[in-house]
Amino acid sequence: MIEFHFATVDNRLGWTEVAECYVEARSIFEYNMGSLYDIGSSYAVSGDGITTCTIWSDHTWEDLGLA
């Protein structure tokens, strides 16, 4: 199970989404973050700076093919 926590400028508490496989996880990530984003060691920021994403699981950005 791959769990993401997203937050936005106007929704700082954010929301959580869960995926069962890498393909589903990547799809969820790209739907919420768009095609342009910056990934750091602990979280990602959308290209427009409005959305952040943190992985809440044992997986890494590299596992998902995002970094």
PDB file of N, CA and C in Angstrom:
ATOM      1  N   MET A   1       0.846  -1.167   0.000  1.00  0.00           N
ATOM      2  CA  MET A   1       0.000   0.000   0.000  1.00  0.00           C
ATOM      3  C   MET A   1       0.896   1.236   0.000  1.00  0.00           C
ATOM      4  N   ILE A   2       0.553   2.200  -0.859  1.00  0.00           N
ATOM      5  CA  ILE A   2       1.301   3.444  -0.976  1.00  0.00           C
ATOM      6  C   ILE A   2       0.350   4.574  -0.598  1.00  0.00           C
ATOM      7  N   GLU A   3       0.731   5.341   0.396  1.00  0.00           N
ATOM      8  CA  GLU A   3      -0.145   6.386   0.916  1.00  0.00           C
ATOM      9  C   GLU A   3       0.493   7.758   0.703  1.00  0.00           C
ATOM     10  N   PHE A   4      -0.277   8.663   0.127  1.00  0.00           N
ATOM     11  CA  PHE A   4       0.165  10.037  -0.099  1.00  0.00           C
ATOM     12  C   PHE A   4      -0.648  10.978   0.777  1.00  0.00           C
ATOM     13  N   HIS A   5      -0.007  12.037   1.238  1.00  0.00           N
ATOM     14  CA  HIS A   5      -0.738  13.123   1.888  1.00  0.00           C
ATOM     15  C   HIS A   5      -0.502  14.381   1.064  1.00  0.00           C
ATOM     16  N   PHE A   6      -1.592  14.981   0.589  1.00  0.00           N
ATOM     17  CA  PHE A   6      -1.536  16.200  -0.198  1.00  0.00           C
ATOM     18  C   PHE A   6      -2.046  17.362   0.634  1.00  0.00           C
ATOM     19  N   ALA A   7      -1.524  18.545   0.387  1.00  0.00           N
ATOM     20  CA  ALA A   7      -2.015  19.773   1.016  1.00  0.00           C
ATOM     21  C   ALA A   7      -1.874  20.896  -0.007  1.00  0.00           C
ATOM     22  N   THR A   8      -2.771  21.876   0.087  1.00  0.00           N
ATOM     23  CA  THR A   8      -2.722  23.018  -0.815  1.00  0.00           C
ATOM     24  C   THR A   8      -2.731  24.311  -0.008  1.00  0.00           C
ATOM     25  N   VAL A   9      -2.506  25.406  -0.688  1.00  0.00           N
ATOM     26  CA  VAL A   9      -2.479  26.709  -0.038  1.00  0.00           C
ATOM     27  C   VAL A   9      -3.805  26.980   0.665  1.00  0.00           C
ATOM     28  N   ASP A  10      -4.915  26.618   0.035  1.00  0.00           N
ATOM     29  CA  ASP A  10      -6.226  26.882   0.625  1.00  0.00           C
ATOM     30  C   ASP A  10      -6.798  25.687   1.396  1.00  0.00           C
ATOM     31  N   ASN A  11      -6.048  24.609   1.514  1.00  0.00           N
ATOM     32  CA  ASN A  11      -6.454  23.435   2.294  1.00  0.00           C
ATOM     33  C   ASN A  11      -5.215  22.881   2.999  1.00  0.00           C
ATOM     34  N   ARG A  12      -4.745  23.596   4.013  1.00  0.00           N
ATOM     35  CA  ARG A  12      -3.498  23.228   4.691  1.00  0.00           C
ATOM     36  C   ARG A  12      -3.582  21.909   5.446  1.00  0.00           C
ATOM     37  N   LEU A  13      -4.774  21.517   5.894  1.00  0.00           N
ATOM     38  CA  LEU A  13      -4.921  20.210   6.552  1.00  0.00           C
ATOM     39  C   LEU A  13      -4.770  19.080   5.545  1.00  0.00           C
ATOM     40  N   GLY A  14      -5.181  19.321   4.316  1.00  0.00           N
ATOM     41  CA  GLY A  14      -4.971  18.383   3.231  1.00  0.00           C
ATOM     42  C   GLY A  14      -5.850  17.156   3.268  1.00  0.00           C
ATOM     43  N   TRP A  15      -5.445  16.165   2.473  1.00  0.00           N
ATOM     44  CA  TRP A  15      -6.182  14.919   2.335  1.00  0.00           C
ATOM     45  C   TRP A  15      -5.204  13.797   2.023  1.00  0.00           C
ATOM     46  N   THR A  16      -5.652  12.584   2.251  1.00  0.00           N
ATOM     47  CA  THR A  16      -4.823  11.401   2.032  1.00  0.00           C
ATOM     48  C   THR A  16      -5.432  10.545   0.937  1.00  0.00           C
ATOM     49  N   GLU A  17      -4.586  10.001   0.089  1.00  0.00           N
ATOM     50  CA  GLU A  17      -5.022   9.065  -0.942  1.00  0.00           C
ATOM     51  C   GLU A  17      -4.134   7.832  -0.871  1.00  0.00           C
ATOM     52  N   VAL A  18      -4.739   6.672  -1.126  1.00  0.00           N
ATOM     53  CA  VAL A  18      -4.036   5.394  -1.006  1.00  0.00           C
ATOM     54  C   VAL A  18      -4.072   4.661  -2.338  1.00  0.00           C
ATOM     55  N   ALA A  19      -2.940   4.070  -2.712  1.00  0.00           N
ATOM     56  CA  ALA A  19      -2.835   3.269  -3.931  1.00  0.00           C
ATOM     57  C   ALA A  19      -2.363   1.869  -3.570  1.00  0.00           C
ATOM     58  N   GLU A  20      -2.773   0.914  -4.362  1.00  0.00           N
ATOM     59  CA  GLU A  20      -2.394  -0.483  -4.128  1.00  0.00           C
ATOM     60  C   GLU A  20      -1.158  -0.905  -4.922  1.00  0.00           C
ATOM     61  N   CYS A  21      -0.823  -0.161  -5.986  1.00  0.00           N
ATOM     62  CA  CYS A  21       0.327  -0.537  -6.816  1.00  0.00           C
ATOM     63  C   CYS A  21       1.025   0.724  -7.316  1.00  0.00           C
ATOM     64  N   TYR A  22       2.205   0.545  -7.907  1.00  0.00           N
ATOM     65  CA  TYR A  22       2.989   1.671  -8.392  1.00  0.00           C
ATOM     66  C   TYR A  22       2.266   2.444  -9.491  1.00  0.00           C
ATOM     67  N   VAL A  23       1.609   1.739 -10.393  1.00  0.00           N
ATOM     68  CA  VAL A  23       0.912   2.403 -11.502  1.00  0.00           C
ATOM     69  C   VAL A  23      -0.204   3.298 -10.971  1.00  0.00           C
ATOM     70  N   GLU A  24      -0.986   2.791 -10.044  1.00  0.00           N
ATOM     71  CA  GLU A  24      -2.060   3.573  -9.444  1.00  0.00           C
ATOM     72  C   GLU A  24      -1.484   4.760  -8.655  1.00  0.00           C
ATOM     73  N   ALA A  25      -0.389   4.536  -7.937  1.00  0.00           N
ATOM     74  CA  ALA A  25       0.237   5.596  -7.147  1.00  0.00           C
ATOM     75  C   ALA A  25       0.731   6.724  -8.041  1.00  0.00           C
ATOM     76  N   ARG A  26       1.365   6.366  -9.118  1.00  0.00           N
ATOM     77  CA  ARG A  26       1.876   7.387 -10.040  1.00  0.00           C
ATOM     78  C   ARG A  26       0.723   8.185 -10.649  1.00  0.00           C
ATOM     79  N   SER A  27      -0.353   7.503 -10.992  1.00  0.00           N
ATOM     80  CA  SER A  27      -1.532   8.162 -11.551  1.00  0.00           C
ATOM     81  C   SER A  27      -2.136   9.153 -10.556  1.00  0.00           C
ATOM     82  N   ILE A  28      -2.282   8.748  -9.304  1.00  0.00           N
ATOM     83  CA  ILE A  28      -2.804   9.630  -8.255  1.00  0.00           C
ATOM     84  C   ILE A  28      -1.892  10.840  -8.084  1.00  0.00           C
ATOM     85  N   PHE A  29      -0.590  10.584  -8.023  1.00  0.00           N
ATOM     86  CA  PHE A  29       0.375  11.670  -7.851  1.00  0.00           C
ATOM     87  C   PHE A  29       0.278  12.677  -8.992  1.00  0.00           C
ATOM     88  N   GLU A  30       0.306  12.199 -10.230  1.00  0.00           N
ATOM     89  CA  GLU A  30       0.290  13.094 -11.380  1.00  0.00           C
ATOM     90  C   GLU A  30      -1.051  13.821 -11.513  1.00  0.00           C
ATOM     91  N   TYR A  31      -2.144  13.198 -11.127  1.00  0.00           N
ATOM     92  CA  TYR A  31      -3.447  13.862 -11.165  1.00  0.00           C
ATOM     93  C   TYR A  31      -3.466  15.064 -10.221  1.00  0.00           C
ATOM     94  N   ASN A  32      -2.918  14.897  -9.039  1.00  0.00           N
ATOM     95  CA  ASN A  32      -2.937  15.960  -8.032  1.00  0.00           C
ATOM     96  C   ASN A  32      -1.814  16.977  -8.190  1.00  0.00           C
ATOM     97  N   MET A  33      -0.672  16.566  -8.737  1.00  0.00           N
ATOM     98  CA  MET A  33       0.491  17.452  -8.816  1.00  0.00           C
ATOM     99  C   MET A  33       0.726  18.044 -10.205  1.00  0.00           C
ATOM    100  N   GLY A  34       0.114  17.477 -11.215  1.00  0.00           N
ATOM    101  CA  GLY A  34       0.350  17.946 -12.578  1.00  0.00           C
ATOM    102  C   GLY A  34       1.605  17.319 -13.162  1.00  0.00           C
ATOM    103  N   SER A  35       2.006  17.805 -14.316  1.00  0.00           N
ATOM    104  CA  SER A  35       3.168  17.212 -14.986  1.00  0.00           C
ATOM    105  C   SER A  35       4.484  17.893 -14.626  1.00  0.00           C
ATOM    106  N   LEU A  36       4.417  19.071 -14.014  1.00  0.00           N
ATOM    107  CA  LEU A  36       5.626  19.779 -13.577  1.00  0.00           C
ATOM    108  C   LEU A  36       5.641  19.845 -12.058  1.00  0.00           C
ATOM    109  N   TYR A  37       6.711  19.348 -11.461  1.00  0.00           N
ATOM    110  CA  TYR A  37       6.836  19.343 -10.007  1.00  0.00           C
ATOM    111  C   TYR A  37       8.299  19.224  -9.630  1.00  0.00           C
ATOM    112  N   ASP A  38       8.615  19.610  -8.413  1.00  0.00           N
ATOM    113  CA  ASP A  38       9.961  19.464  -7.868  1.00  0.00           C
ATOM    114  C   ASP A  38       9.887  18.490  -6.714  1.00  0.00           C
ATOM    115  N   ILE A  39      10.797  17.528  -6.706  1.00  0.00           N
ATOM    116  CA  ILE A  39      10.810  16.522  -5.653  1.00  0.00           C
ATOM    117  C   ILE A  39      12.051  16.680  -4.802  1.00  0.00           C
ATOM    118  N   GLY A  40      11.840  16.774  -3.512  1.00  0.00           N
ATOM    119  CA  GLY A  40      12.930  16.816  -2.546  1.00  0.00           C
ATOM    120  C   GLY A  40      13.053  15.457  -1.877  1.00  0.00           C
ATOM    121  N   SER A  41      13.788  15.399  -0.801  1.00  0.00           N
ATOM    122  CA  SER A  41      13.971  14.116  -0.122  1.00  0.00           C
ATOM    123  C   SER A  41      12.732  13.685   0.653  1.00  0.00           C
ATOM    124  N   SER A  42      11.955  14.643   1.154  1.00  0.00           N
ATOM    125  CA  SER A  42      10.817  14.252   1.983  1.00  0.00           C
ATOM    126  C   SER A  42       9.459  14.629   1.412  1.00  0.00           C
ATOM    127  N   TYR A  43       9.398  15.582   0.492  1.00  0.00           N
ATOM    128  CA  TYR A  43       8.110  15.942  -0.100  1.00  0.00           C
ATOM    129  C   TYR A  43       8.305  16.554  -1.484  1.00  0.00           C
ATOM    130  N   ALA A  44       7.201  16.657  -2.220  1.00  0.00           N
ATOM    131  CA  ALA A  44       7.216  17.236  -3.558  1.00  0.00           C
ATOM    132  C   ALA A  44       6.331  18.475  -3.578  1.00  0.00           C
ATOM    133  N   VAL A  45       6.657  19.410  -4.480  1.00  0.00           N
ATOM    134  CA  VAL A  45       5.894  20.641  -4.639  1.00  0.00           C
ATOM    135  C   VAL A  45       5.506  20.760  -6.110  1.00  0.00           C
ATOM    136  N   SER A  46       4.231  21.081  -6.357  1.00  0.00           N
ATOM    137  CA  SER A  46       3.773  21.254  -7.736  1.00  0.00           C
ATOM    138  C   SER A  46       4.490  22.444  -8.374  1.00  0.00           C
ATOM    139  N   GLY A  47       4.535  22.466  -9.694  1.00  0.00           N
ATOM    140  CA  GLY A  47       5.237  23.519 -10.416  1.00  0.00           C
ATOM    141  C   GLY A  47       4.734  24.915 -10.108  1.00  0.00           C
ATOM    142  N   ASP A  48       3.443  25.051  -9.807  1.00  0.00           N
ATOM    143  CA  ASP A  48       2.897  26.363  -9.481  1.00  0.00           C
ATOM    144  C   ASP A  48       3.012  26.691  -7.994  1.00  0.00           C
ATOM    145  N   GLY A  49       3.525  25.760  -7.196  1.00  0.00           N
ATOM    146  CA  GLY A  49       3.753  25.990  -5.777  1.00  0.00           C
ATOM    147  C   GLY A  49       2.515  25.897  -4.902  1.00  0.00           C
ATOM    148  N   ILE A  50       1.395  25.466  -5.456  1.00  0.00           N
ATOM    149  CA  ILE A  50       0.142  25.429  -4.707  1.00  0.00           C
ATOM    150  C   ILE A  50      -0.044  24.130  -3.925  1.00  0.00           C
ATOM    151  N   THR A  51       0.429  23.013  -4.469  1.00  0.00           N
ATOM    152  CA  THR A  51       0.196  21.705  -3.849  1.00  0.00           C
ATOM    153  C   THR A  51       1.501  21.081  -3.389  1.00  0.00           C
ATOM    154  N   THR A  52       1.480  20.449  -2.204  1.00  0.00           N
ATOM    155  CA  THR A  52       2.617  19.651  -1.737  1.00  0.00           C
ATOM    156  C   THR A  52       2.154  18.217  -1.535  1.00  0.00           C
ATOM    157  N   CYS A  53       3.093  17.297  -1.607  1.00  0.00           N
ATOM    158  CA  CYS A  53       2.789  15.877  -1.444  1.00  0.00           C
ATOM    159  C   CYS A  53       3.894  15.215  -0.631  1.00  0.00           C
ATOM    160  N   THR A  54       3.476  14.391   0.315  1.00  0.00           N
ATOM    161  CA  THR A  54       4.405  13.609   1.125  1.00  0.00           C
ATOM    162  C   THR A  54       4.000  12.146   1.029  1.00  0.00           C
ATOM    163  N   ILE A  55       4.979  11.251   0.891  1.00  0.00           N
ATOM    164  CA  ILE A  55       4.676   9.813   0.897  1.00  0.00           C
ATOM    165  C   ILE A  55       4.657   9.348   2.341  1.00  0.00           C
ATOM    166  N   TRP A  56       3.560   8.714   2.734  1.00  0.00           N
ATOM    167  CA  TRP A  56       3.429   8.151   4.081  1.00  0.00           C
ATOM    168  C   TRP A  56       3.472   6.635   3.980  1.00  0.00           C
ATOM    169  N   SER A  57       4.575   6.083   3.518  1.00  0.00           N
ATOM    170  CA  SER A  57       4.718   4.631   3.402  1.00  0.00           C
ATOM    171  C   SER A  57       6.202   4.294   3.337  1.00  0.00           C
ATOM    172  N   ASP A  58       6.498   3.027   3.140  1.00  0.00           N
ATOM    173  CA  ASP A  58       7.883   2.569   3.054  1.00  0.00           C
ATOM    174  C   ASP A  58       8.501   2.825   1.686  1.00  0.00           C
ATOM    175  N   HIS A  59       7.715   3.312   0.741  1.00  0.00           N
ATOM    176  CA  HIS A  59       8.193   3.514  -0.619  1.00  0.00           C
ATOM    177  C   HIS A  59       8.861   4.879  -0.767  1.00  0.00           C
ATOM    178  N   THR A  60       9.650   5.002  -1.820  1.00  0.00           N
ATOM    179  CA  THR A  60      10.363   6.252  -2.089  1.00  0.00           C
ATOM    180  C   THR A  60       9.929   6.811  -3.442  1.00  0.00           C
ATOM    181  N   TRP A  61      10.339   8.044  -3.713  1.00  0.00           N
ATOM    182  CA  TRP A  61      10.062   8.640  -5.025  1.00  0.00           C
ATOM    183  C   TRP A  61      10.698   7.802  -6.130  1.00  0.00           C
ATOM    184  N   GLU A  62      11.876   7.247  -5.861  1.00  0.00           N
ATOM    185  CA  GLU A  62      12.565   6.412  -6.853  1.00  0.00           C
ATOM    186  C   GLU A  62      11.775   5.137  -7.153  1.00  0.00           C
ATOM    187  N   ASP A  63      11.163   4.533  -6.125  1.00  0.00           N
ATOM    188  CA  ASP A  63      10.343   3.335  -6.335  1.00  0.00           C
ATOM    189  C   ASP A  63       9.229   3.609  -7.323  1.00  0.00           C
ATOM    190  N   LEU A  64       8.670   4.820  -7.281  1.00  0.00           N
ATOM    191  CA  LEU A  64       7.548   5.185  -8.149  1.00  0.00           C
ATOM    192  C   LEU A  64       8.008   5.712  -9.504  1.00  0.00           C
ATOM    193  N   GLY A  65       9.318   5.857  -9.689  1.00  0.00           N
ATOM    194  CA  GLY A  65       9.852   6.373 -10.944  1.00  0.00           C
ATOM    195  C   GLY A  65       9.618   7.866 -11.111  1.00  0.00           C
ATOM    196  N   LEU A  66       9.508   8.587 -10.002  1.00  0.00           N
ATOM    197  CA  LEU A  66       9.232  10.016 -10.051  1.00  0.00           C
ATOM    198  C   LEU A  66      10.457  10.883  -9.825  1.00  0.00           C
ATOM    199  N   ALA A  67      11.500  10.337  -9.261  1.00  0.00           N
ATOM    200  CA  ALA A  67      12.701  11.136  -8.975  1.00  0.00           C
ATOM    201  C   ALA A  67      13.820  10.784  -9.913  1.00  0.00           C
TER     202      ALA A  67
END
